[in-house]
Amino acid sequence: MTGAGRGLGKAIADGLVELGATVYGTSRDADVARRIGERYGTPPQVLEMSNEQTMDGYVVQLQEASGGIDMLVNNAGVNIAKPAIELTGREWDTVFDTNLKGAFLLSTAFARTWLERRTPGSIVNVASQAGMVAIEERAAYGASKAGLIHLTRILALEWAREGIRVNAVAPTFVRTELTAETLSRPDWAAELLSRIPIGRFGEPNDVVGAVAFLLGDAASLITGHTIAVDGGYTIR
């Protein structure tokens, strides 16, 4: 899985290990990749999500070295929170390269190996409620996550008859390093909290169960679906 070094990704990876999975977690930073590998007892996985030239080779090598991986969690994500009018084209590209392009490249690379081996696979994309409803200062992030939700549907449709399921989760604001700056602003945090009917922000563990469910056999008839783990934020 991608982005397993901290926050939501770390919680998801920990939860999957508790359920018996072997986790190969990626990072673009070699030191972070080493720490992830040590945590889960697997070789370090250094991966630049937007590098199309190396993606297929990386996945083929990983499949051979691991003996076969049949599940993928696309969790790596970045956000540049600022008003749309202040957002630059380079910042837009930075967000899209990781949140959407990277997930597309890695998913298709894994799908190629599953199709060649005639084996089933399951993918869960970590999207966001920001891809389902408009949230201020989230132009690039929200658009990238909306794209990821729709990409989930398209890949699910194309690969369903091949035994490859593709689903997504869309969390609300979860207390992680990614949201720390936003939630540290008292007025803004209070406004966001008022939009969540359940009355609290998410914690990383809130998302683990939904990811594990969608990956596993209990969801064998579910594909192309996005579960909003949002405390009711998107009800309205």
C-alpha atoms as a PDB file:
ATOM      1  CA  MET A   1       0.000   0.000   0.000  1.00  0.00           C
ATOM      2  CA  THR A   2       1.085   3.557  -0.596  1.00  0.00           C
ATOM      3  CA  GLY A   3       1.553   6.204   2.065  1.00  0.00           C
ATOM      4  CA  ALA A   4       1.938   3.734   4.942  1.00  0.00           C
ATOM      5  CA  GLY A   5       4.450   5.807   6.871  1.00  0.00           C
ATOM      6  CA  ARG A   6       2.148   7.952   8.983  1.00  0.00           C
ATOM      7  CA  GLY A   7      -1.372   9.022   9.817  1.00  0.00           C
ATOM      8  CA  LEU A   8      -4.231   7.309   8.062  1.00  0.00           C
ATOM      9  CA  GLY A   9      -1.989   5.083   5.962  1.00  0.00           C
ATOM     10  CA  LYS A  10      -0.117   3.809   9.006  1.00  0.00           C
ATOM     11  CA  ALA A  11      -3.394   3.037  10.791  1.00  0.00           C
ATOM     12  CA  ILE A  12      -4.740   1.157   7.780  1.00  0.00           C
ATOM     13  CA  ALA A  13      -1.501  -0.807   7.406  1.00  0.00           C
ATOM     14  CA  ASP A  14      -1.459  -1.676  11.125  1.00  0.00           C
ATOM     15  CA  GLY A  15      -5.070  -2.822  10.939  1.00  0.00           C
ATOM     16  CA  LEU A  16      -4.442  -5.030   7.922  1.00  0.00           C
ATOM     17  CA  VAL A  17      -1.452  -6.631   9.638  1.00  0.00           C
ATOM     18  CA  GLU A  18      -3.627  -7.375  12.675  1.00  0.00           C
ATOM     19  CA  LEU A  19      -6.025  -9.154  10.311  1.00  0.00           C
ATOM     20  CA  GLY A  20      -3.205 -11.318   8.967  1.00  0.00           C
ATOM     21  CA  ALA A  21      -2.087  -9.425   5.867  1.00  0.00           C
ATOM     22  CA  THR A  22       1.528  -8.917   4.830  1.00  0.00           C
ATOM     23  CA  VAL A  23       2.008  -5.224   4.101  1.00  0.00           C
ATOM     24  CA  TYR A  24       4.481  -3.799   1.602  1.00  0.00           C
ATOM     25  CA  GLY A  25       4.326  -0.058   2.231  1.00  0.00           C
ATOM     26  CA  THR A  26       5.790   2.519  -0.120  1.00  0.00           C
ATOM     27  CA  SER A  27       7.333   5.941   0.305  1.00  0.00           C
ATOM     28  CA  ARG A  28       9.259   8.246  -2.016  1.00  0.00           C
ATOM     29  CA  ASP A  29      11.669   8.856   0.887  1.00  0.00           C
ATOM     30  CA  ALA A  30      14.214   6.080   1.431  1.00  0.00           C
ATOM     31  CA  ASP A  31      14.456   6.603   5.207  1.00  0.00           C
ATOM     32  CA  VAL A  32      10.681   6.489   5.596  1.00  0.00           C
ATOM     33  CA  ALA A  33      10.518   3.391   3.386  1.00  0.00           C
ATOM     34  CA  ARG A  34      13.127   1.728   5.572  1.00  0.00           C
ATOM     35  CA  ARG A  35      11.112   2.453   8.731  1.00  0.00           C
ATOM     36  CA  ILE A  36       7.943   1.129   7.114  1.00  0.00           C
ATOM     37  CA  GLY A  37       9.747  -2.069   6.120  1.00  0.00           C
ATOM     38  CA  GLU A  38      11.092  -2.540   9.628  1.00  0.00           C
ATOM     39  CA  ARG A  39       7.643  -2.017  11.114  1.00  0.00           C
ATOM     40  CA  TYR A  40       5.987  -4.645   8.926  1.00  0.00           C
ATOM     41  CA  GLY A  41       8.871  -7.025   8.374  1.00  0.00           C
ATOM     42  CA  THR A  42       9.029  -6.495   4.617  1.00  0.00           C
ATOM     43  CA  PRO A  43      11.702  -5.039   2.317  1.00  0.00           C
ATOM     44  CA  PRO A  44      11.724  -1.227   1.950  1.00  0.00           C
ATOM     45  CA  GLN A  45       9.656   0.016  -0.981  1.00  0.00           C
ATOM     46  CA  VAL A  46      10.865   3.317  -2.453  1.00  0.00           C
ATOM     47  CA  LEU A  47       8.416   4.525  -5.086  1.00  0.00           C
ATOM     48  CA  GLU A  48       7.791   7.813  -6.856  1.00  0.00           C
ATOM     49  CA  MET A  49       4.063   7.684  -7.587  1.00  0.00           C
ATOM     50  CA  SER A  50       4.082   9.863 -10.702  1.00  0.00           C
ATOM     51  CA  ASN A  51       6.963   8.101 -12.488  1.00  0.00           C
ATOM     52  CA  GLU A  52       5.327   6.158 -15.310  1.00  0.00           C
ATOM     53  CA  GLN A  53       8.633   4.859 -16.666  1.00  0.00           C
ATOM     54  CA  THR A  54       9.451   2.838 -13.559  1.00  0.00           C
ATOM     55  CA  MET A  55       5.984   1.785 -12.365  1.00  0.00           C
ATOM     56  CA  ASP A  56       5.433  -1.397 -14.376  1.00  0.00           C
ATOM     57  CA  GLY A  57       8.922  -2.698 -13.675  1.00  0.00           C
ATOM     58  CA  TYR A  58       8.555  -1.962  -9.980  1.00  0.00           C
ATOM     59  CA  VAL A  59       5.283  -3.891  -9.723  1.00  0.00           C
ATOM     60  CA  VAL A  60       6.537  -6.883 -11.716  1.00  0.00           C
ATOM     61  CA  GLN A  61       9.629  -7.084  -9.535  1.00  0.00           C
ATOM     62  CA  LEU A  62       7.548  -6.774  -6.358  1.00  0.00           C
ATOM     63  CA  GLN A  63       5.153  -9.481  -7.487  1.00  0.00           C
ATOM     64  CA  GLU A  64       8.031 -11.849  -8.183  1.00  0.00           C
ATOM     65  CA  ALA A  65       9.873 -11.075  -4.953  1.00  0.00           C
ATOM     66  CA  SER A  66       6.783 -11.349  -2.745  1.00  0.00           C
ATOM     67  CA  GLY A  67       5.334 -14.470  -4.304  1.00  0.00           C
ATOM     68  CA  GLY A  68       2.243 -12.575  -5.400  1.00  0.00           C
ATOM     69  CA  ILE A  69       0.251  -9.624  -4.054  1.00  0.00           C
ATOM     70  CA  ASP A  70      -3.507  -9.642  -4.605  1.00  0.00           C
ATOM     71  CA  MET A  71      -4.570  -6.454  -2.800  1.00  0.00           C
ATOM     72  CA  LEU A  72      -3.671  -2.798  -3.282  1.00  0.00           C
ATOM     73  CA  VAL A  73      -4.502   0.262  -1.170  1.00  0.00           C
ATOM     74  CA  ASN A  74      -3.871   3.590  -2.881  1.00  0.00           C
ATOM     75  CA  ASN A  75      -3.559   5.871   0.133  1.00  0.00           C
ATOM     76  CA  ALA A  76      -0.747   8.301  -0.721  1.00  0.00           C
ATOM     77  CA  GLY A  77      -2.119  11.809  -0.881  1.00  0.00           C
ATOM     78  CA  VAL A  78      -1.160  15.457  -0.624  1.00  0.00           C
ATOM     79  CA  ASN A  79      -3.159  18.634  -0.117  1.00  0.00           C
ATOM     80  CA  ILE A  80      -2.327  22.289  -0.696  1.00  0.00           C
ATOM     81  CA  ALA A  81      -5.000  24.165   1.213  1.00  0.00           C
ATOM     82  CA  LYS A  82      -5.497  27.661  -0.123  1.00  0.00           C
ATOM     83  CA  PRO A  83      -8.156  29.663  -1.970  1.00  0.00           C
ATOM     84  CA  ALA A  84      -8.459  28.654  -5.612  1.00  0.00           C
ATOM     85  CA  ILE A  85      -7.465  32.096  -6.817  1.00  0.00           C
ATOM     86  CA  GLU A  86      -4.095  31.709  -5.062  1.00  0.00           C
ATOM     87  CA  LEU A  87      -3.386  28.191  -6.323  1.00  0.00           C
ATOM     88  CA  THR A  88      -0.673  27.877  -8.972  1.00  0.00           C
ATOM     89  CA  GLY A  89      -0.568  25.471 -11.872  1.00  0.00           C
ATOM     90  CA  ARG A  90       2.487  23.791 -10.390  1.00  0.00           C
ATOM     91  CA  GLU A  91       0.701  23.251  -7.081  1.00  0.00           C
ATOM     92  CA  TRP A  92      -2.280  21.822  -8.950  1.00  0.00           C
ATOM     93  CA  ASP A  93       0.010  19.369 -10.747  1.00  0.00           C
ATOM     94  CA  THR A  94       1.698  18.376  -7.488  1.00  0.00           C
ATOM     95  CA  VAL A  95      -1.637  17.379  -5.975  1.00  0.00           C
ATOM     96  CA  PHE A  96      -2.907  15.572  -9.067  1.00  0.00           C
ATOM     97  CA  ASP A  97       0.364  13.707  -9.679  1.00  0.00           C
ATOM     98  CA  THR A  98       0.092  11.935  -6.331  1.00  0.00           C
ATOM     99  CA  ASN A  99      -3.635  11.778  -5.651  1.00  0.00           C
ATOM    100  CA  LEU A 100      -4.885  10.763  -9.086  1.00  0.00           C
ATOM    101  CA  LYS A 101      -2.120  10.060 -11.594  1.00  0.00           C
ATOM    102  CA  GLY A 102      -0.131   7.957  -9.130  1.00  0.00           C
ATOM    103  CA  ALA A 103      -3.166   5.891  -8.134  1.00  0.00           C
ATOM    104  CA  PHE A 104      -3.990   5.333 -11.816  1.00  0.00           C
ATOM    105  CA  LEU A 105      -0.465   4.250 -12.732  1.00  0.00           C
ATOM    106  CA  LEU A 106      -0.085   1.863  -9.801  1.00  0.00           C
ATOM    107  CA  SER A 107      -3.557   0.360 -10.248  1.00  0.00           C
ATOM    108  CA  THR A 108      -3.039  -0.340 -13.932  1.00  0.00           C
ATOM    109  CA  ALA A 109       0.425  -1.770 -13.270  1.00  0.00           C
ATOM    110  CA  PHE A 110      -1.005  -4.221 -10.739  1.00  0.00           C
ATOM    111  CA  ALA A 111      -3.941  -5.038 -13.003  1.00  0.00           C
ATOM    112  CA  ARG A 112      -1.555  -6.003 -15.802  1.00  0.00           C
ATOM    113  CA  THR A 113       0.157  -8.544 -13.563  1.00  0.00           C
ATOM    114  CA  TRP A 114      -3.178  -9.960 -12.355  1.00  0.00           C
ATOM    115  CA  LEU A 115      -4.481 -10.256 -15.906  1.00  0.00           C
ATOM    116  CA  GLU A 116      -1.277 -11.930 -17.093  1.00  0.00           C
ATOM    117  CA  ARG A 117      -1.389 -14.403 -14.204  1.00  0.00           C
ATOM    118  CA  ARG A 118      -5.167 -14.838 -14.466  1.00  0.00           C
ATOM    119  CA  THR A 119      -5.530 -14.146 -10.762  1.00  0.00           C
ATOM    120  CA  PRO A 120      -8.137 -11.990  -8.999  1.00  0.00           C
ATOM    121  CA  GLY A 121      -7.259  -8.752  -7.253  1.00  0.00           C
ATOM    122  CA  SER A 122      -8.829  -6.119  -5.039  1.00  0.00           C
ATOM    123  CA  ILE A 123      -8.057  -2.396  -4.991  1.00  0.00           C
ATOM    124  CA  VAL A 124      -9.215   0.217  -2.492  1.00  0.00           C
ATOM    125  CA  ASN A 125      -8.594   3.871  -3.256  1.00  0.00           C
ATOM    126  CA  VAL A 126      -8.541   6.300  -0.342  1.00  0.00           C
ATOM    127  CA  ALA A 127     -10.548   9.225  -1.680  1.00  0.00           C
ATOM    128  CA  SER A 128     -12.214  11.920   0.436  1.00  0.00           C
ATOM    129  CA  GLN A 129     -15.549  13.528   1.179  1.00  0.00           C
ATOM    130  CA  ALA A 130     -13.963  16.527  -0.567  1.00  0.00           C
ATOM    131  CA  GLY A 131     -14.441  14.584  -3.774  1.00  0.00           C
ATOM    132  CA  MET A 132     -18.184  14.348  -3.122  1.00  0.00           C
ATOM    133  CA  VAL A 133     -19.066  17.818  -1.773  1.00  0.00           C
ATOM    134  CA  ALA A 134     -17.486  21.245  -2.175  1.00  0.00           C
ATOM    135  CA  ILE A 135     -15.201  22.352   0.666  1.00  0.00           C
ATOM    136  CA  GLU A 136     -13.427  25.677   0.789  1.00  0.00           C
ATOM    137  CA  GLU A 137      -9.702  25.852  -0.003  1.00  0.00           C
ATOM    138  CA  ARG A 138      -9.775  22.415  -1.615  1.00  0.00           C
ATOM    139  CA  ALA A 139      -9.847  23.177  -5.365  1.00  0.00           C
ATOM    140  CA  ALA A 140      -7.035  20.834  -6.406  1.00  0.00           C
ATOM    141  CA  TYR A 141      -7.523  18.326  -3.605  1.00  0.00           C
ATOM    142  CA  GLY A 142     -11.289  18.034  -4.070  1.00  0.00           C
ATOM    143  CA  ALA A 143     -11.021  17.817  -7.844  1.00  0.00           C
ATOM    144  CA  SER A 144      -8.335  15.114  -7.590  1.00  0.00           C
ATOM    145  CA  LYS A 145     -10.428  13.074  -5.164  1.00  0.00           C
ATOM    146  CA  ALA A 146     -13.547  13.467  -7.307  1.00  0.00           C
ATOM    147  CA  GLY A 147     -11.444  12.169 -10.176  1.00  0.00           C
ATOM    148  CA  LEU A 148     -10.280   9.257  -8.039  1.00  0.00           C
ATOM    149  CA  ILE A 149     -13.875   8.348  -7.170  1.00  0.00           C
ATOM    150  CA  HIS A 150     -14.858   8.310 -10.822  1.00  0.00           C
ATOM    151  CA  LEU A 151     -11.674   6.487 -11.821  1.00  0.00           C
ATOM    152  CA  THR A 152     -12.708   3.840  -9.279  1.00  0.00           C
ATOM    153  CA  ARG A 153     -15.980   3.324 -11.166  1.00  0.00           C
ATOM    154  CA  ILE A 154     -14.320   3.142 -14.581  1.00  0.00           C
ATOM    155  CA  LEU A 155     -11.627   0.664 -13.539  1.00  0.00           C
ATOM    156  CA  ALA A 156     -14.228  -1.441 -11.737  1.00  0.00           C
ATOM    157  CA  LEU A 157     -16.329  -1.568 -14.894  1.00  0.00           C
ATOM    158  CA  GLU A 158     -13.402  -2.462 -17.158  1.00  0.00           C
ATOM    159  CA  TRP A 159     -11.981  -5.178 -14.920  1.00  0.00           C
ATOM    160  CA  ALA A 160     -15.027  -6.735 -13.239  1.00  0.00           C
ATOM    161  CA  ARG A 161     -15.246  -9.754 -15.542  1.00  0.00           C
ATOM    162  CA  GLU A 162     -11.556 -10.411 -14.953  1.00  0.00           C
ATOM    163  CA  GLY A 163     -12.075 -10.843 -11.206  1.00  0.00           C
ATOM    164  CA  ILE A 164     -10.553  -7.492 -10.234  1.00  0.00           C
ATOM    165  CA  ARG A 165     -12.649  -5.386  -7.863  1.00  0.00           C
ATOM    166  CA  VAL A 166     -12.022  -1.658  -7.401  1.00  0.00           C
ATOM    167  CA  ASN A 167     -13.647   0.338  -4.599  1.00  0.00           C
ATOM    168  CA  ALA A 168     -12.953   3.458  -2.577  1.00  0.00           C
ATOM    169  CA  VAL A 169     -13.453   5.022   0.834  1.00  0.00           C
ATOM    170  CA  ALA A 170     -14.149   8.720   1.309  1.00  0.00           C
ATOM    171  CA  PRO A 171     -13.250   9.839   4.846  1.00  0.00           C
ATOM    172  CA  THR A 172     -14.213  13.086   6.509  1.00  0.00           C
ATOM    173  CA  PHE A 173     -11.558  15.219   8.214  1.00  0.00           C
ATOM    174  CA  VAL A 174      -9.408  12.662  10.038  1.00  0.00           C
ATOM    175  CA  ARG A 175      -6.918  13.810  12.651  1.00  0.00           C
ATOM    176  CA  THR A 176      -3.595  13.225  10.891  1.00  0.00           C
ATOM    177  CA  GLU A 177      -0.549  15.232   9.865  1.00  0.00           C
ATOM    178  CA  LEU A 178      -2.347  16.105   6.616  1.00  0.00           C
ATOM    179  CA  THR A 179      -5.211  17.860   8.433  1.00  0.00           C
ATOM    180  CA  ALA A 180      -3.288  19.233  11.429  1.00  0.00           C
ATOM    181  CA  GLU A 181      -2.961  22.762  10.055  1.00  0.00           C
ATOM    182  CA  THR A 182      -6.645  22.976   9.127  1.00  0.00           C
ATOM    183  CA  LEU A 183      -7.921  21.648  12.444  1.00  0.00           C
ATOM    184  CA  SER A 184      -5.568  23.909  14.422  1.00  0.00           C
ATOM    185  CA  ARG A 185      -7.612  26.940  13.313  1.00  0.00           C
ATOM    186  CA  PRO A 186     -10.331  27.149  16.015  1.00  0.00           C
ATOM    187  CA  ASP A 187     -12.976  29.021  14.034  1.00  0.00           C
ATOM    188  CA  TRP A 188     -12.501  26.911  10.920  1.00  0.00           C
ATOM    189  CA  ALA A 189     -12.417  23.664  12.907  1.00  0.00           C
ATOM    190  CA  ALA A 190     -15.659  24.622  14.676  1.00  0.00           C
ATOM    191  CA  GLU A 191     -17.317  25.383  11.328  1.00  0.00           C
ATOM    192  CA  LEU A 192     -16.250  22.040   9.872  1.00  0.00           C
ATOM    193  CA  LEU A 193     -17.341  20.146  12.968  1.00  0.00           C
ATOM    194  CA  SER A 194     -20.784  21.738  12.721  1.00  0.00           C
ATOM    195  CA  ARG A 195     -21.195  20.034   9.331  1.00  0.00           C
ATOM    196  CA  ILE A 196     -20.680  16.517  10.749  1.00  0.00           C
ATOM    197  CA  PRO A 197     -23.962  15.153  12.195  1.00  0.00           C
ATOM    198  CA  ILE A 198     -22.212  12.572  14.364  1.00  0.00           C
ATOM    199  CA  GLY A 199     -20.404  15.463  16.037  1.00  0.00           C
ATOM    200  CA  ARG A 200     -16.724  14.554  15.876  1.00  0.00           C
ATOM    201  CA  PHE A 201     -13.818  14.440  13.479  1.00  0.00           C
ATOM    202  CA  GLY A 202     -12.513  11.091  12.344  1.00  0.00           C
ATOM    203  CA  GLU A 203      -9.655   9.171  13.850  1.00  0.00           C
ATOM    204  CA  PRO A 204      -7.430   6.991  11.647  1.00  0.00           C
ATOM    205  CA  ASN A 205      -8.878   3.770  13.025  1.00  0.00           C
ATOM    206  CA  ASP A 206     -12.359   4.809  11.878  1.00  0.00           C
ATOM    207  CA  VAL A 207     -11.331   4.158   8.287  1.00  0.00           C
ATOM    208  CA  VAL A 208      -9.576   0.827   8.823  1.00  0.00           C
ATOM    209  CA  GLY A 209     -12.722  -1.314   8.984  1.00  0.00           C
ATOM    210  CA  ALA A 210     -14.149   0.049   5.746  1.00  0.00           C
ATOM    211  CA  VAL A 211     -10.891  -0.571   3.874  1.00  0.00           C
ATOM    212  CA  ALA A 212     -10.535  -4.108   5.249  1.00  0.00           C
ATOM    213  CA  PHE A 213     -14.153  -4.903   4.371  1.00  0.00           C
ATOM    214  CA  LEU A 214     -13.828  -3.722   0.775  1.00  0.00           C
ATOM    215  CA  LEU A 215     -10.550  -5.577   0.269  1.00  0.00           C
ATOM    216  CA  GLY A 216     -11.838  -8.890   1.575  1.00  0.00           C
ATOM    217  CA  ASP A 217     -14.149 -11.700   0.526  1.00  0.00           C
ATOM    218  CA  ALA A 218     -17.086 -10.283   2.501  1.00  0.00           C
ATOM    219  CA  ALA A 219     -17.316  -7.635  -0.234  1.00  0.00           C
ATOM    220  CA  SER A 220     -16.958 -10.082  -3.121  1.00  0.00           C
ATOM    221  CA  LEU A 221     -20.056  -8.707  -4.879  1.00  0.00           C
ATOM    222  CA  ILE A 222     -19.113  -5.056  -4.377  1.00  0.00           C
ATOM    223  CA  THR A 223     -17.165  -3.137  -6.981  1.00  0.00           C
ATOM    224  CA  GLY A 224     -17.165   0.450  -8.207  1.00  0.00           C
ATOM    225  CA  HIS A 225     -18.529   1.647  -4.870  1.00  0.00           C
ATOM    226  CA  THR A 226     -17.333   4.442  -2.575  1.00  0.00           C
ATOM    227  CA  ILE A 227     -18.072   4.231   1.147  1.00  0.00           C
ATOM    228  CA  ALA A 228     -18.282   7.641   2.803  1.00  0.00           C
ATOM    229  CA  VAL A 229     -16.671   7.316   6.241  1.00  0.00           C
ATOM    230  CA  ASP A 230     -17.734  10.817   7.099  1.00  0.00           C
ATOM    231  CA  GLY A 231     -19.948  10.920  10.172  1.00  0.00           C
ATOM    232  CA  GLY A 232     -22.789  12.018   7.920  1.00  0.00           C
ATOM    233  CA  TYR A 233     -21.032  15.041   6.391  1.00  0.00           C
ATOM    234  CA  THR A 234     -22.255  14.233   2.862  1.00  0.00           C
ATOM    235  CA  ILE A 235     -25.862  13.523   3.865  1.00  0.00           C
ATOM    236  CA  ARG A 236     -26.806  17.110   3.044  1.00  0.00           C
END
